[in-house]
All heavy atoms as atom14 arrays in JSON, in Angstrom:
{
  "sequence": "EKWNEIQKKCFELKEKVGGRFLSVSYEGLITHPEETIVRICSF",
  "atom14_mask": [
    [1, 1, 1, 1, 1, 1, 1, 1, 1, 0, 0, 0, 0, 0],
    [1, 1, 1, 1, 1, 1, 1, 1, 1, 0, 0, 0, 0, 0],
    [1, 1, 1, 1, 1, 1, 1, 1, 1, 1, 1, 1, 1, 1],
    [1, 1, 1, 1, 1, 1, 1, 1, 0, 0, 0, 0, 0, 0],
    [1, 1, 1, 1, 1, 1, 1, 1, 1, 0, 0, 0, 0, 0],
    [1, 1, 1, 1, 1, 1, 1, 1, 0, 0, 0, 0, 0, 0],
    [1, 1, 1, 1, 1, 1, 1, 1, 1, 0, 0, 0, 0, 0],
    [1, 1, 1, 1, 1, 1, 1, 1, 1, 0, 0, 0, 0, 0],
    [1, 1, 1, 1, 1, 1, 1, 1, 1, 0, 0, 0, 0, 0],
    [1, 1, 1, 1, 1, 1, 0, 0, 0, 0, 0, 0, 0, 0],
    [1, 1, 1, 1, 1, 1, 1, 1, 1, 1, 1, 0, 0, 0],
    [1, 1, 1, 1, 1, 1, 1, 1, 1, 0, 0, 0, 0, 0],
    [1, 1, 1, 1, 1, 1, 1, 1, 0, 0, 0, 0, 0, 0],
    [1, 1, 1, 1, 1, 1, 1, 1, 1, 0, 0, 0, 0, 0],
    [1, 1, 1, 1, 1, 1, 1, 1, 1, 0, 0, 0, 0, 0],
    [1, 1, 1, 1, 1, 1, 1, 1, 1, 0, 0, 0, 0, 0],
    [1, 1, 1, 1, 1, 1, 1, 0, 0, 0, 0, 0, 0, 0],
    [1, 1, 1, 1, 0, 0, 0, 0, 0, 0, 0, 0, 0, 0],
    [1, 1, 1, 1, 0, 0, 0, 0, 0, 0, 0, 0, 0, 0],
    [1, 1, 1, 1, 1, 1, 1, 1, 1, 1, 1, 0, 0, 0],
    [1, 1, 1, 1, 1, 1, 1, 1, 1, 1, 1, 0, 0, 0],
    [1, 1, 1, 1, 1, 1, 1, 1, 0, 0, 0, 0, 0, 0],
    [1, 1, 1, 1, 1, 1, 0, 0, 0, 0, 0, 0, 0, 0],
    [1, 1, 1, 1, 1, 1, 1, 0, 0, 0, 0, 0, 0, 0],
    [1, 1, 1, 1, 1, 1, 0, 0, 0, 0, 0, 0, 0, 0],
    [1, 1, 1, 1, 1, 1, 1, 1, 1, 1, 1, 1, 0, 0],
    [1, 1, 1, 1, 1, 1, 1, 1, 1, 0, 0, 0, 0, 0],
    [1, 1, 1, 1, 0, 0, 0, 0, 0, 0, 0, 0, 0, 0],
    [1, 1, 1, 1, 1, 1, 1, 1, 0, 0, 0, 0, 0, 0],
    [1, 1, 1, 1, 1, 1, 1, 1, 0, 0, 0, 0, 0, 0],
    [1, 1, 1, 1, 1, 1, 1, 0, 0, 0, 0, 0, 0, 0],
    [1, 1, 1, 1, 1, 1, 1, 1, 1, 1, 0, 0, 0, 0],
    [1, 1, 1, 1, 1, 1, 1, 0, 0, 0, 0, 0, 0, 0],
    [1, 1, 1, 1, 1, 1, 1, 1, 1, 0, 0, 0, 0, 0],
    [1, 1, 1, 1, 1, 1, 1, 1, 1, 0, 0, 0, 0, 0],
    [1, 1, 1, 1, 1, 1, 1, 0, 0, 0, 0, 0, 0, 0],
    [1, 1, 1, 1, 1, 1, 1, 1, 0, 0, 0, 0, 0, 0],
    [1, 1, 1, 1, 1, 1, 1, 0, 0, 0, 0, 0, 0, 0],
    [1, 1, 1, 1, 1, 1, 1, 1, 1, 1, 1, 0, 0, 0],
    [1, 1, 1, 1, 1, 1, 1, 1, 0, 0, 0, 0, 0, 0],
    [1, 1, 1, 1, 1, 1, 0, 0, 0, 0, 0, 0, 0, 0],
    [1, 1, 1, 1, 1, 1, 0, 0, 0, 0, 0, 0, 0, 0],
    [1, 1, 1, 1, 1, 1, 1, 1, 1, 1, 1, 0, 0, 0]
  ],
  "atom14_positions": [
    [[-19.32, -184.69, 120.44], [-19.91, -185.23, 119.22], [-18.82, -185.52, 118.2], [-18.8, -186.58, 117.58], [-20.91, -184.23, 118.65], [-21.61, -184.68, 117.39], [-22.55, -183.61, 116.87], [-22.12, -182.44, 116.72], [-23.72, -183.94, 116.57], [0.0, 0.0, 0.0], [0.0, 0.0, 0.0], [0.0, 0.0, 0.0], [0.0, 0.0, 0.0], [0.0, 0.0, 0.0]],
    [[-17.87, -184.58, 118.05], [-16.79, -184.76, 117.09], [-15.85, -185.88, 117.53], [-15.4, -186.68, 116.72], [-16.02, -183.45, 116.92], [-14.99, -183.5, 115.8], [-14.28, -182.16, 115.64], [-15.18, -181.09, 115.08], [-14.48, -179.81, 114.85], [0.0, 0.0, 0.0], [0.0, 0.0, 0.0], [0.0, 0.0, 0.0], [0.0, 0.0, 0.0], [0.0, 0.0, 0.0]],
    [[-15.56, -185.92, 118.83], [-14.7, -187.0, 119.36], [-15.28, -188.37, 119.0], [-14.58, -189.26, 118.54], [-14.56, -186.87, 120.88], [-13.72, -187.95, 121.51], [-12.37, -187.9, 121.72], [-14.15, -189.21, 121.99], [-11.93, -189.06, 122.29], [-13.01, -189.9, 122.47], [-15.39, -189.85, 122.06], [-13.06, -191.19, 123.03], [-15.46, -191.15, 122.6], [-14.31, -191.8, 123.09]],
    [[-16.57, -188.51, 119.23], [-17.22, -189.79, 118.98], [-17.17, -190.17, 117.5], [-16.9, -191.31, 117.14], [-18.68, -189.72, 119.47], [-19.24, -191.07, 119.81], [-18.57, -191.89, 120.42], [-20.49, -191.3, 119.43], [0.0, 0.0, 0.0], [0.0, 0.0, 0.0], [0.0, 0.0, 0.0], [0.0, 0.0, 0.0], [0.0, 0.0, 0.0], [0.0, 0.0, 0.0]],
    [[-17.4, -189.18, 116.64], [-17.39, -189.42, 115.2], [-16.0, -189.86, 114.75], [-15.85, -190.79, 113.94], [-17.8, -188.15, 114.47], [-17.8, -188.28, 112.96], [-18.08, -186.97, 112.25], [-18.12, -185.92, 112.93], [-18.24, -186.98, 111.02], [0.0, 0.0, 0.0], [0.0, 0.0, 0.0], [0.0, 0.0, 0.0], [0.0, 0.0, 0.0], [0.0, 0.0, 0.0]],
    [[-14.96, -189.21, 115.26], [-13.59, -189.5, 114.85], [-13.17, -190.9, 115.3], [-12.52, -191.64, 114.55], [-12.63, -188.43, 115.36], [-12.84, -187.13, 114.6], [-11.17, -188.88, 115.25], [-12.12, -185.94, 115.14], [0.0, 0.0, 0.0], [0.0, 0.0, 0.0], [0.0, 0.0, 0.0], [0.0, 0.0, 0.0], [0.0, 0.0, 0.0], [0.0, 0.0, 0.0]],
    [[-13.55, -191.29, 116.53], [-13.19, -192.63, 117.0], [-13.81, -193.71, 116.08], [-13.17, -194.69, 115.73], [-13.64, -192.88, 118.44], [-13.28, -191.79, 119.45], [-11.89, -191.24, 119.33], [-10.9, -191.98, 119.4], [-11.79, -189.91, 119.19], [0.0, 0.0, 0.0], [0.0, 0.0, 0.0], [0.0, 0.0, 0.0], [0.0, 0.0, 0.0], [0.0, 0.0, 0.0]],
    [[-15.04, -193.47, 115.66], [-15.71, -194.43, 114.79], [-15.0, -194.53, 113.43], [-14.88, -195.63, 112.87], [-17.18, -194.05, 114.6], [-18.01, -194.24, 115.86], [-19.46, -193.81, 115.67], [-20.28, -194.01, 116.94], [-21.69, -193.56, 116.76], [0.0, 0.0, 0.0], [0.0, 0.0, 0.0], [0.0, 0.0, 0.0], [0.0, 0.0, 0.0], [0.0, 0.0, 0.0]],
    [[-14.53, -193.43, 112.92], [-13.77, -193.45, 111.65], [-12.46, -194.24, 111.84], [-12.03, -194.96, 110.94], [-13.47, -192.02, 111.18], [-14.68, -191.22, 110.78], [-15.43, -191.82, 109.61], [-14.64, -191.75, 108.31], [-15.42, -192.23, 107.15], [0.0, 0.0, 0.0], [0.0, 0.0, 0.0], [0.0, 0.0, 0.0], [0.0, 0.0, 0.0], [0.0, 0.0, 0.0]],
    [[-11.85, -194.08, 112.99], [-10.62, -194.82, 113.26], [-10.91, -196.32, 113.37], [-10.12, -197.14, 112.88], [-9.98, -194.32, 114.55], [-9.31, -192.63, 114.42], [0.0, 0.0, 0.0], [0.0, 0.0, 0.0], [0.0, 0.0, 0.0], [0.0, 0.0, 0.0], [0.0, 0.0, 0.0], [0.0, 0.0, 0.0], [0.0, 0.0, 0.0], [0.0, 0.0, 0.0]],
    [[-12.03, -196.68, 113.99], [-12.4, -198.09, 114.09], [-12.6, -198.68, 112.68], [-12.19, -199.83, 112.4], [-13.68, -198.28, 114.9], [-13.59, -197.84, 116.33], [-14.74, -197.52, 117.06], [-12.37, -197.74, 116.98], [-14.68, -197.12, 118.38], [-12.28, -197.34, 118.31], [-13.44, -197.03, 119.01], [0.0, 0.0, 0.0], [0.0, 0.0, 0.0], [0.0, 0.0, 0.0]],
    [[-13.23, -197.91, 111.81], [-13.46, -198.36, 110.42], [-12.13, -198.65, 109.72], [-11.97, -199.65, 109.03], [-14.22, -197.28, 109.64], [-15.67, -197.12, 110.01], [-16.3, -195.94, 109.25], [-15.68, -195.45, 108.28], [-17.41, -195.52, 109.64], [0.0, 0.0, 0.0], [0.0, 0.0, 0.0], [0.0, 0.0, 0.0], [0.0, 0.0, 0.0], [0.0, 0.0, 0.0]],
    [[-11.18, -197.72, 109.9], [-9.88, -197.88, 109.24], [-9.15, -199.11, 109.77], [-8.52, -199.84, 109.0], [-9.04, -196.62, 109.47], [-7.65, -196.61, 108.85], [-7.72, -196.8, 107.34], [-6.89, -195.35, 109.22], [0.0, 0.0, 0.0], [0.0, 0.0, 0.0], [0.0, 0.0, 0.0], [0.0, 0.0, 0.0], [0.0, 0.0, 0.0], [0.0, 0.0, 0.0]],
    [[-9.24, -199.33, 111.08], [-8.6, -200.5, 111.66], [-9.05, -201.79, 111.02], [-8.25, -202.69, 110.73], [-8.88, -200.55, 113.17], [-8.22, -201.74, 113.87], [-8.55, -201.71, 115.37], [-7.87, -202.87, 116.07], [-8.16, -202.87, 117.54], [0.0, 0.0, 0.0], [0.0, 0.0, 0.0], [0.0, 0.0, 0.0], [0.0, 0.0, 0.0], [0.0, 0.0, 0.0]],
    [[-10.34, -201.88, 110.75], [-10.89, -203.08, 110.1], [-10.35, -203.26, 108.68], [-10.19, -204.38, 108.2], [-12.43, -202.99, 110.06], [-13.09, -203.08, 111.42], [-12.8, -204.39, 112.13], [-12.9, -205.45, 111.46], [-12.45, -204.36, 113.32], [0.0, 0.0, 0.0], [0.0, 0.0, 0.0], [0.0, 0.0, 0.0], [0.0, 0.0, 0.0], [0.0, 0.0, 0.0]],
    [[-10.04, -202.15, 108.02], [-9.58, -202.22, 106.63], [-8.1, -202.58, 106.5], [-7.72, -203.3, 105.58], [-9.81, -200.88, 105.93], [-11.27, -200.49, 105.75], [-11.38, -199.1, 105.14], [-12.82, -198.66, 105.02], [-12.92, -197.26, 104.48], [0.0, 0.0, 0.0], [0.0, 0.0, 0.0], [0.0, 0.0, 0.0], [0.0, 0.0, 0.0], [0.0, 0.0, 0.0]],
    [[-7.27, -202.05, 107.39], [-5.82, -202.17, 107.18], [-5.13, -203.17, 108.09], [-3.94, -203.46, 107.91], [-5.14, -200.8, 107.31], [-5.75, -199.81, 106.32], [-5.21, -200.24, 108.73], [0.0, 0.0, 0.0], [0.0, 0.0, 0.0], [0.0, 0.0, 0.0], [0.0, 0.0, 0.0], [0.0, 0.0, 0.0], [0.0, 0.0, 0.0], [0.0, 0.0, 0.0]],
    [[-5.82, -203.71, 109.05], [-5.29, -204.81, 109.86], [-3.98, -204.46, 110.57], [-3.91, -203.56, 111.39], [0.0, 0.0, 0.0], [0.0, 0.0, 0.0], [0.0, 0.0, 0.0], [0.0, 0.0, 0.0], [0.0, 0.0, 0.0], [0.0, 0.0, 0.0], [0.0, 0.0, 0.0], [0.0, 0.0, 0.0], [0.0, 0.0, 0.0], [0.0, 0.0, 0.0]],
    [[-2.91, -205.17, 110.21], [-1.63, -205.05, 110.89], [-0.89, -203.75, 110.68], [0.13, -203.51, 111.3], [0.0, 0.0, 0.0], [0.0, 0.0, 0.0], [0.0, 0.0, 0.0], [0.0, 0.0, 0.0], [0.0, 0.0, 0.0], [0.0, 0.0, 0.0], [0.0, 0.0, 0.0], [0.0, 0.0, 0.0], [0.0, 0.0, 0.0], [0.0, 0.0, 0.0]],
    [[-1.42, -202.89, 109.8], [-0.79, -201.58, 109.59], [-1.38, -200.52, 110.53], [-1.19, -199.33, 110.33], [-0.96, -201.13, 108.13], [-0.17, -201.97, 107.16], [-0.21, -201.4, 105.74], [-1.45, -201.68, 105.06], [-2.29, -200.75, 104.6], [-2.01, -199.48, 104.77], [-3.39, -201.09, 103.97], [0.0, 0.0, 0.0], [0.0, 0.0, 0.0], [0.0, 0.0, 0.0]],
    [[-2.07, -200.98, 111.56], [-2.79, -200.08, 112.49], [-2.36, -200.41, 113.92], [-2.35, -201.56, 114.32], [-4.29, -200.32, 112.32], [-5.19, -199.34, 113.03], [-5.8, -198.31, 112.32], [-5.45, -199.47, 114.39], [-6.66, -197.44, 112.95], [-6.31, -198.59, 115.03], [-6.91, -197.56, 114.31], [0.0, 0.0, 0.0], [0.0, 0.0, 0.0], [0.0, 0.0, 0.0]],
    [[-1.98, -199.37, 114.67], [-1.59, -199.55, 116.07], [-2.39, -198.61, 116.95], [-2.43, -197.41, 116.7], [-0.1, -199.26, 116.25], [0.44, -199.4, 117.69], [0.47, -200.87, 118.09], [1.84, -198.8, 117.8], [0.0, 0.0, 0.0], [0.0, 0.0, 0.0], [0.0, 0.0, 0.0], [0.0, 0.0, 0.0], [0.0, 0.0, 0.0], [0.0, 0.0, 0.0]],
    [[-3.03, -199.15, 118.0], [-3.8, -198.34, 118.91], [-2.95, -198.0, 120.13], [-2.31, -198.88, 120.73], [-5.05, -199.1, 119.38], [-5.91, -199.37, 118.3], [0.0, 0.0, 0.0], [0.0, 0.0, 0.0], [0.0, 0.0, 0.0], [0.0, 0.0, 0.0], [0.0, 0.0, 0.0], [0.0, 0.0, 0.0], [0.0, 0.0, 0.0], [0.0, 0.0, 0.0]],
    [[-2.93, -196.71, 120.49], [-2.14, -196.24, 121.63], [-2.99, -195.28, 122.45], [-3.54, -194.32, 121.91], [-0.87, -195.5, 121.15], [-0.1, -194.93, 122.36], [0.03, -196.42, 120.33], [0.0, 0.0, 0.0], [0.0, 0.0, 0.0], [0.0, 0.0, 0.0], [0.0, 0.0, 0.0], [0.0, 0.0, 0.0], [0.0, 0.0, 0.0], [0.0, 0.0, 0.0]],
    [[-3.11, -195.53, 123.74], [-3.86, -194.59, 124.59], [-2.95, -193.49, 125.11], [-1.77, -193.74, 125.41], [-4.52, -195.33, 125.76], [-3.55, -195.68, 126.75], [0.0, 0.0, 0.0], [0.0, 0.0, 0.0], [0.0, 0.0, 0.0], [0.0, 0.0, 0.0], [0.0, 0.0, 0.0], [0.0, 0.0, 0.0], [0.0, 0.0, 0.0], [0.0, 0.0, 0.0]],
    [[-3.47, -192.31, 125.21], [-2.73, -191.18, 125.77], [-2.29, -191.5, 127.19], [-1.16, -191.22, 127.6], [-3.59, -189.93, 125.74], [-3.01, -188.76, 126.5], [-1.94, -188.02, 125.98], [-3.51, -188.42, 127.76], [-1.4, -186.95, 126.68], [-2.97, -187.33, 128.47], [-1.92, -186.62, 127.93], [-1.39, -185.57, 128.62], [0.0, 0.0, 0.0], [0.0, 0.0, 0.0]],
    [[-3.21, -192.11, 127.95], [-2.91, -192.44, 129.33], [-1.75, -193.43, 129.44], [-0.88, -193.3, 130.31], [-4.15, -193.01, 130.02], [-5.3, -192.03, 130.15], [-6.14, -191.83, 128.9], [-5.93, -192.58, 127.91], [-7.01, -190.93, 128.88], [0.0, 0.0, 0.0], [0.0, 0.0, 0.0], [0.0, 0.0, 0.0], [0.0, 0.0, 0.0], [0.0, 0.0, 0.0]],
    [[-1.69, -194.39, 128.51], [-0.58, -195.34, 128.5], [0.72, -194.65, 128.13], [1.78, -194.99, 128.68], [0.0, 0.0, 0.0], [0.0, 0.0, 0.0], [0.0, 0.0, 0.0], [0.0, 0.0, 0.0], [0.0, 0.0, 0.0], [0.0, 0.0, 0.0], [0.0, 0.0, 0.0], [0.0, 0.0, 0.0], [0.0, 0.0, 0.0], [0.0, 0.0, 0.0]],
    [[0.64, -193.7, 127.18], [1.85, -192.99, 126.76], [2.47, -192.2, 127.9], [3.69, -192.19, 128.05], [1.48, -192.04, 125.59], [2.6, -191.13, 125.09], [3.76, -191.95, 124.51], [2.07, -190.17, 124.03], [0.0, 0.0, 0.0], [0.0, 0.0, 0.0], [0.0, 0.0, 0.0], [0.0, 0.0, 0.0], [0.0, 0.0, 0.0], [0.0, 0.0, 0.0]],
    [[1.66, -191.54, 128.71], [2.22, -190.69, 129.76], [2.57, -191.46, 131.04], [3.45, -191.02, 131.79], [1.31, -189.49, 130.08], [-0.04, -189.95, 130.67], [1.12, -188.62, 128.85], [-0.89, -188.81, 131.19], [0.0, 0.0, 0.0], [0.0, 0.0, 0.0], [0.0, 0.0, 0.0], [0.0, 0.0, 0.0], [0.0, 0.0, 0.0], [0.0, 0.0, 0.0]],
    [[1.88, -192.57, 131.29], [2.19, -193.32, 132.52], [3.26, -194.39, 132.31], [3.97, -194.76, 133.24], [0.92, -193.99, 133.1], [0.33, -194.83, 132.1], [-0.09, -192.93, 133.52], [0.0, 0.0, 0.0], [0.0, 0.0, 0.0], [0.0, 0.0, 0.0], [0.0, 0.0, 0.0], [0.0, 0.0, 0.0], [0.0, 0.0, 0.0], [0.0, 0.0, 0.0]],
    [[3.4, -194.89, 131.09], [4.42, -195.88, 130.75], [5.1, -195.47, 129.44], [5.0, -196.17, 128.42], [3.81, -197.27, 130.62], [3.16, -197.77, 131.87], [1.83, -197.54, 132.15], [3.66, -198.45, 132.94], [1.53, -198.08, 133.32], [2.62, -198.63, 133.83], [0.0, 0.0, 0.0], [0.0, 0.0, 0.0], [0.0, 0.0, 0.0], [0.0, 0.0, 0.0]],
    [[5.78, -194.32, 129.45], [6.32, -193.78, 128.2], [7.31, -194.69, 127.47], [7.19, -194.9, 126.26], [6.96, -192.46, 128.6], [7.16, -192.57, 130.08], [6.06, -193.43, 130.58], [0.0, 0.0, 0.0], [0.0, 0.0, 0.0], [0.0, 0.0, 0.0], [0.0, 0.0, 0.0], [0.0, 0.0, 0.0], [0.0, 0.0, 0.0], [0.0, 0.0, 0.0]],
    [[8.3, -195.2, 128.18], [9.31, -196.02, 127.5], [8.7, -197.29, 126.91], [8.95, -197.63, 125.75], [10.45, -196.41, 128.44], [11.55, -197.18, 127.73], [12.82, -197.33, 128.56], [12.94, -196.67, 129.62], [13.7, -198.11, 128.14], [0.0, 0.0, 0.0], [0.0, 0.0, 0.0], [0.0, 0.0, 0.0], [0.0, 0.0, 0.0], [0.0, 0.0, 0.0]],
    [[7.89, -197.95, 127.68], [7.22, -199.18, 127.18], [6.37, -198.87, 125.95], [6.39, -199.62, 124.95], [6.34, -199.75, 128.3], [5.52, -200.97, 127.9], [4.56, -201.4, 129.0], [4.91, -201.18, 130.19], [3.5, -201.95, 128.67], [0.0, 0.0, 0.0], [0.0, 0.0, 0.0], [0.0, 0.0, 0.0], [0.0, 0.0, 0.0], [0.0, 0.0, 0.0]],
    [[5.66, -197.75, 126.0], [4.78, -197.38, 124.86], [5.6, -196.99, 123.64], [5.28, -197.38, 122.5], [3.87, -196.23, 125.27], [3.1, -196.61, 126.43], [2.91, -195.87, 124.13], [0.0, 0.0, 0.0], [0.0, 0.0, 0.0], [0.0, 0.0, 0.0], [0.0, 0.0, 0.0], [0.0, 0.0, 0.0], [0.0, 0.0, 0.0], [0.0, 0.0, 0.0]],
    [[6.67, -196.23, 123.84], [7.49, -195.78, 122.72], [8.22, -196.97, 122.08], [8.35, -197.04, 120.85], [8.5, -194.71, 123.17], [7.72, -193.48, 123.67], [9.4, -194.3, 122.01], [8.58, -192.51, 124.45], [0.0, 0.0, 0.0], [0.0, 0.0, 0.0], [0.0, 0.0, 0.0], [0.0, 0.0, 0.0], [0.0, 0.0, 0.0], [0.0, 0.0, 0.0]],
    [[8.67, -197.91, 122.9], [9.31, -199.12, 122.37], [8.32, -199.89, 121.48], [8.67, -200.38, 120.4], [9.83, -200.02, 123.52], [10.19, -201.42, 122.98], [11.03, -199.39, 124.19], [0.0, 0.0, 0.0], [0.0, 0.0, 0.0], [0.0, 0.0, 0.0], [0.0, 0.0, 0.0], [0.0, 0.0, 0.0], [0.0, 0.0, 0.0], [0.0, 0.0, 0.0]],
    [[7.08, -199.97, 121.94], [6.04, -200.67, 121.16], [5.78, -199.95, 119.84], [5.62, -200.59, 118.79], [4.75, -200.73, 122.0], [3.62, -201.51, 121.33], [2.56, -201.89, 122.34], [1.87, -200.78, 122.92], [0.69, -200.3, 122.46], [0.09, -200.9, 121.43], [0.1, -199.28, 123.03], [0.0, 0.0, 0.0], [0.0, 0.0, 0.0], [0.0, 0.0, 0.0]],
    [[5.76, -198.63, 119.87], [5.55, -197.87, 118.64], [6.73, -198.05, 117.68], [6.55, -198.25, 116.47], [5.35, -196.36, 118.97], [4.03, -196.18, 119.71], [5.35, -195.54, 117.68], [3.82, -194.77, 120.26], [0.0, 0.0, 0.0], [0.0, 0.0, 0.0], [0.0, 0.0, 0.0], [0.0, 0.0, 0.0], [0.0, 0.0, 0.0], [0.0, 0.0, 0.0]],
    [[7.94, -198.0, 118.22], [9.13, -198.2, 117.39], [9.09, -199.58, 116.73], [9.43, -199.72, 115.53], [10.4, -198.04, 118.22], [10.81, -196.33, 118.63], [0.0, 0.0, 0.0], [0.0, 0.0, 0.0], [0.0, 0.0, 0.0], [0.0, 0.0, 0.0], [0.0, 0.0, 0.0], [0.0, 0.0, 0.0], [0.0, 0.0, 0.0], [0.0, 0.0, 0.0]],
    [[8.72, -200.58, 117.47], [8.63, -201.93, 116.92], [7.63, -201.98, 115.77], [7.88, -202.57, 114.72], [8.23, -202.92, 118.02], [8.07, -204.22, 117.5], [0.0, 0.0, 0.0], [0.0, 0.0, 0.0], [0.0, 0.0, 0.0], [0.0, 0.0, 0.0], [0.0, 0.0, 0.0], [0.0, 0.0, 0.0], [0.0, 0.0, 0.0], [0.0, 0.0, 0.0]],
    [[6.51, -201.31, 115.96], [5.47, -201.25, 114.92], [6.0, -200.59, 113.64], [5.68, -201.0, 112.53], [4.27, -200.5, 115.47], [3.22, -200.14, 114.47], [2.41, -201.1, 113.88], [3.01, -198.81, 114.12], [1.43, -200.77, 112.95], [2.03, -198.45, 113.2], [1.24, -199.45, 112.61], [0.0, 0.0, 0.0], [0.0, 0.0, 0.0], [0.0, 0.0, 0.0]]
  ]
}
């Protein structure tokens, strides 16, 4: 229940701040760490 609520709050924030928001999946971080970290650094 809490997980679902928090994701919705994050979706709301994404709509408000646009390009100041970056979505990253945990699964992407652990399976493609360098690619994901490079993307975060660029952001």
